[in-house]
Amino acid sequence: MHELSLAQGLLDQLLALAREHGAETVLTVRVDIGDRAGIVIDSFVFGFNAVKTSFQATSNARLEVREVTGDDLILIQVEME
């Protein structure tokens, strides 16, 4: 299931962004997933929710996914405090 590795990669990116901006908590994450990206959205969300609890900064993060036309997974917005 490559969705789990994609979710882990997203979390790594979120932790780096939080450090870079001096944030302690990631609140909301918005991503677009292309309909031709080969990503099963439910599996990606499950993977994100499974691994987010491994880190204090992301343990309560809410993931919002929008399916769009295309072949990419794009990080659109991150809300942090």
N, C-alpha and C. Protein backbone atom coordinates (compact mmCIF):
# COMPACT_ATOMS: atom_id res chain seq x y z
N MET A 1 0.85 -1.18 0.00
CA MET A 1 0.00 0.00 0.00
C MET A 1 0.89 1.24 0.00
N HIS A 2 1.04 1.87 -1.16
CA HIS A 2 1.90 3.04 -1.23
C HIS A 2 1.25 4.27 -0.61
N GLU A 3 -0.04 4.22 -0.33
CA GLU A 3 -0.71 5.34 0.31
C GLU A 3 -0.12 5.62 1.69
N LEU A 4 0.27 4.57 2.41
CA LEU A 4 0.88 4.76 3.73
C LEU A 4 2.21 5.49 3.62
N SER A 5 3.02 5.14 2.64
CA SER A 5 4.30 5.84 2.47
C SER A 5 4.07 7.28 2.02
N LEU A 6 3.03 7.52 1.23
CA LEU A 6 2.71 8.91 0.85
C LEU A 6 2.26 9.71 2.06
N ALA A 7 1.46 9.09 2.92
CA ALA A 7 1.01 9.76 4.14
C ALA A 7 2.19 10.06 5.05
N GLN A 8 3.13 9.13 5.18
CA GLN A 8 4.33 9.37 5.99
C GLN A 8 5.15 10.51 5.41
N GLY A 9 5.28 10.54 4.09
CA GLY A 9 6.00 11.63 3.44
C GLY A 9 5.35 12.98 3.69
N LEU A 10 4.02 13.01 3.66
CA LEU A 10 3.30 14.25 3.95
C LEU A 10 3.55 14.68 5.39
N LEU A 11 3.52 13.74 6.32
CA LEU A 11 3.77 14.08 7.72
C LEU A 11 5.19 14.59 7.92
N ASP A 12 6.16 14.00 7.25
CA ASP A 12 7.53 14.50 7.33
C ASP A 12 7.60 15.95 6.85
N GLN A 13 6.89 16.23 5.76
CA GLN A 13 6.86 17.60 5.22
C GLN A 13 6.17 18.55 6.21
N LEU A 14 5.10 18.11 6.82
CA LEU A 14 4.39 18.95 7.79
C LEU A 14 5.25 19.26 9.01
N LEU A 15 5.97 18.26 9.50
CA LEU A 15 6.86 18.48 10.65
C LEU A 15 7.97 19.46 10.30
N ALA A 16 8.51 19.36 9.09
CA ALA A 16 9.55 20.29 8.66
C ALA A 16 8.99 21.71 8.56
N LEU A 17 7.78 21.85 8.02
CA LEU A 17 7.15 23.17 7.92
C LEU A 17 6.88 23.76 9.30
N ALA A 18 6.43 22.93 10.22
CA ALA A 18 6.17 23.41 11.58
C ALA A 18 7.45 23.92 12.23
N ARG A 19 8.55 23.16 12.09
CA ARG A 19 9.83 23.60 12.64
C ARG A 19 10.28 24.91 11.99
N GLU A 20 10.15 24.97 10.68
CA GLU A 20 10.59 26.15 9.93
C GLU A 20 9.84 27.41 10.36
N HIS A 21 8.59 27.26 10.72
CA HIS A 21 7.76 28.42 11.07
C HIS A 21 7.57 28.58 12.59
N GLY A 22 8.25 27.77 13.37
CA GLY A 22 8.17 27.89 14.82
C GLY A 22 6.81 27.51 15.38
N ALA A 23 6.09 26.66 14.68
CA ALA A 23 4.76 26.23 15.14
C ALA A 23 4.89 24.97 15.98
N GLU A 24 4.00 24.84 16.94
CA GLU A 24 4.01 23.65 17.80
C GLU A 24 2.96 22.64 17.38
N THR A 25 1.92 23.10 16.69
CA THR A 25 0.80 22.23 16.37
C THR A 25 0.34 22.44 14.93
N VAL A 26 0.11 21.34 14.24
CA VAL A 26 -0.51 21.38 12.92
C VAL A 26 -2.00 21.13 13.14
N LEU A 27 -2.82 22.09 12.70
CA LEU A 27 -4.25 21.99 12.93
C LEU A 27 -5.00 21.35 11.77
N THR A 28 -4.82 21.91 10.58
CA THR A 28 -5.55 21.45 9.40
C THR A 28 -4.60 21.34 8.22
N VAL A 29 -4.78 20.29 7.44
CA VAL A 29 -3.98 20.06 6.25
C VAL A 29 -4.94 19.87 5.08
N ARG A 30 -4.76 20.66 4.03
CA ARG A 30 -5.60 20.51 2.84
C ARG A 30 -4.75 20.05 1.67
N VAL A 31 -5.19 18.97 1.03
CA VAL A 31 -4.48 18.44 -0.12
C VAL A 31 -5.47 18.21 -1.27
N ASP A 32 -4.95 18.31 -2.49
CA ASP A 32 -5.68 17.92 -3.68
C ASP A 32 -5.05 16.63 -4.18
N ILE A 33 -5.89 15.67 -4.55
CA ILE A 33 -5.42 14.41 -5.12
C ILE A 33 -6.07 14.26 -6.48
N GLY A 34 -5.24 14.13 -7.49
CA GLY A 34 -5.74 13.97 -8.85
C GLY A 34 -6.43 12.64 -9.06
N ASP A 35 -7.46 12.65 -9.89
CA ASP A 35 -8.21 11.43 -10.15
C ASP A 35 -7.41 10.39 -10.93
N ARG A 36 -6.28 10.81 -11.51
CA ARG A 36 -5.40 9.87 -12.22
C ARG A 36 -4.08 9.65 -11.47
N ALA A 37 -4.04 10.01 -10.19
CA ALA A 37 -2.80 9.89 -9.40
C ALA A 37 -2.52 8.47 -8.95
N GLY A 38 -3.50 7.60 -9.05
CA GLY A 38 -3.29 6.22 -8.60
C GLY A 38 -3.29 6.09 -7.09
N ILE A 39 -3.95 7.02 -6.42
CA ILE A 39 -4.01 7.01 -4.96
C ILE A 39 -5.44 6.70 -4.53
N VAL A 40 -5.59 5.70 -3.69
CA VAL A 40 -6.91 5.40 -3.12
C VAL A 40 -7.09 6.35 -1.93
N ILE A 41 -8.01 7.29 -2.09
CA ILE A 41 -8.16 8.37 -1.10
C ILE A 41 -8.47 7.82 0.29
N ASP A 42 -9.37 6.87 0.39
CA ASP A 42 -9.71 6.31 1.71
C ASP A 42 -8.48 5.69 2.38
N SER A 43 -7.65 5.01 1.60
CA SER A 43 -6.43 4.40 2.15
C SER A 43 -5.42 5.47 2.57
N PHE A 44 -5.32 6.53 1.79
CA PHE A 44 -4.42 7.64 2.12
C PHE A 44 -4.85 8.29 3.44
N VAL A 45 -6.14 8.57 3.56
CA VAL A 45 -6.67 9.19 4.79
C VAL A 45 -6.45 8.26 5.98
N PHE A 46 -6.71 6.97 5.80
CA PHE A 46 -6.48 6.00 6.86
C PHE A 46 -5.01 6.00 7.28
N GLY A 47 -4.11 5.98 6.31
CA GLY A 47 -2.68 6.00 6.60
C GLY A 47 -2.27 7.26 7.33
N PHE A 48 -2.77 8.40 6.89
CA PHE A 48 -2.46 9.68 7.55
C PHE A 48 -2.91 9.63 9.01
N ASN A 49 -4.15 9.20 9.22
CA ASN A 49 -4.68 9.16 10.59
C ASN A 49 -3.93 8.16 11.46
N ALA A 50 -3.41 7.11 10.85
CA ALA A 50 -2.65 6.11 11.62
C ALA A 50 -1.29 6.64 12.06
N VAL A 51 -0.61 7.36 11.19
CA VAL A 51 0.75 7.79 11.52
C VAL A 51 0.81 9.18 12.17
N LYS A 52 -0.23 9.96 12.05
CA LYS A 52 -0.18 11.32 12.63
C LYS A 52 -0.04 11.31 14.14
N THR A 53 -0.53 10.25 14.77
CA THR A 53 -0.47 10.18 16.23
C THR A 53 0.92 9.86 16.75
N SER A 54 1.85 9.56 15.86
CA SER A 54 3.23 9.28 16.26
C SER A 54 3.98 10.54 16.64
N PHE A 55 3.41 11.69 16.32
CA PHE A 55 4.10 12.97 16.55
C PHE A 55 3.17 13.92 17.30
N GLN A 56 3.68 14.56 18.33
CA GLN A 56 2.91 15.50 19.13
C GLN A 56 2.32 16.61 18.26
N ALA A 57 3.11 17.14 17.36
CA ALA A 57 2.68 18.29 16.56
C ALA A 57 1.53 17.98 15.62
N THR A 58 1.40 16.72 15.21
CA THR A 58 0.37 16.36 14.23
C THR A 58 -0.73 15.46 14.80
N SER A 59 -0.65 15.15 16.07
CA SER A 59 -1.54 14.14 16.63
C SER A 59 -3.03 14.47 16.48
N ASN A 60 -3.38 15.75 16.43
CA ASN A 60 -4.79 16.14 16.29
C ASN A 60 -5.07 16.82 14.96
N ALA A 61 -4.15 16.72 14.02
CA ALA A 61 -4.33 17.38 12.73
C ALA A 61 -5.52 16.79 11.97
N ARG A 62 -6.23 17.69 11.32
CA ARG A 62 -7.37 17.27 10.50
C ARG A 62 -6.97 17.34 9.03
N LEU A 63 -7.19 16.26 8.31
CA LEU A 63 -6.85 16.19 6.89
C LEU A 63 -8.10 16.41 6.06
N GLU A 64 -8.02 17.37 5.13
CA GLU A 64 -9.11 17.62 4.19
C GLU A 64 -8.59 17.31 2.79
N VAL A 65 -9.28 16.41 2.10
CA VAL A 65 -8.86 15.97 0.77
C VAL A 65 -9.92 16.37 -0.25
N ARG A 66 -9.43 16.91 -1.35
CA ARG A 66 -10.32 17.25 -2.46
C ARG A 66 -9.82 16.48 -3.68
N GLU A 67 -10.70 15.72 -4.30
CA GLU A 67 -10.32 15.03 -5.53
C GLU A 67 -10.51 15.98 -6.70
N VAL A 68 -9.46 16.10 -7.50
CA VAL A 68 -9.45 17.02 -8.63
C VAL A 68 -9.02 16.26 -9.89
N THR A 69 -9.14 16.91 -11.01
CA THR A 69 -8.65 16.34 -12.26
C THR A 69 -7.13 16.46 -12.28
N GLY A 70 -6.46 15.37 -12.62
CA GLY A 70 -5.00 15.43 -12.72
C GLY A 70 -4.34 14.19 -12.18
N ASP A 71 -3.00 14.25 -12.12
CA ASP A 71 -2.25 13.09 -11.66
C ASP A 71 -1.34 13.39 -10.48
N ASP A 72 -1.63 14.41 -9.73
CA ASP A 72 -0.72 14.83 -8.66
C ASP A 72 -1.37 14.78 -7.28
N LEU A 73 -0.52 14.72 -6.28
CA LEU A 73 -0.89 14.93 -4.89
C LEU A 73 -0.26 16.27 -4.52
N ILE A 74 -1.09 17.25 -4.19
CA ILE A 74 -0.59 18.61 -3.97
C ILE A 74 -1.00 19.08 -2.58
N LEU A 75 -0.01 19.53 -1.82
CA LEU A 75 -0.28 20.16 -0.53
C LEU A 75 -0.75 21.59 -0.81
N ILE A 76 -1.98 21.89 -0.46
CA ILE A 76 -2.59 23.18 -0.77
C ILE A 76 -2.42 24.18 0.38
N GLN A 77 -2.70 23.73 1.60
CA GLN A 77 -2.68 24.67 2.72
C GLN A 77 -2.43 23.91 4.02
N VAL A 78 -1.72 24.56 4.93
CA VAL A 78 -1.47 24.02 6.27
C VAL A 78 -1.78 25.12 7.28
N GLU A 79 -2.61 24.80 8.24
CA GLU A 79 -2.89 25.73 9.35
C GLU A 79 -2.13 25.22 10.56
N MET A 80 -1.33 26.12 11.17
CA MET A 80 -0.50 25.75 12.32
C MET A 80 -0.61 26.83 13.38
N GLU A 81 -0.24 26.45 14.60
CA GLU A 81 -0.12 27.45 15.67
C GLU A 81 1.02 27.08 16.57
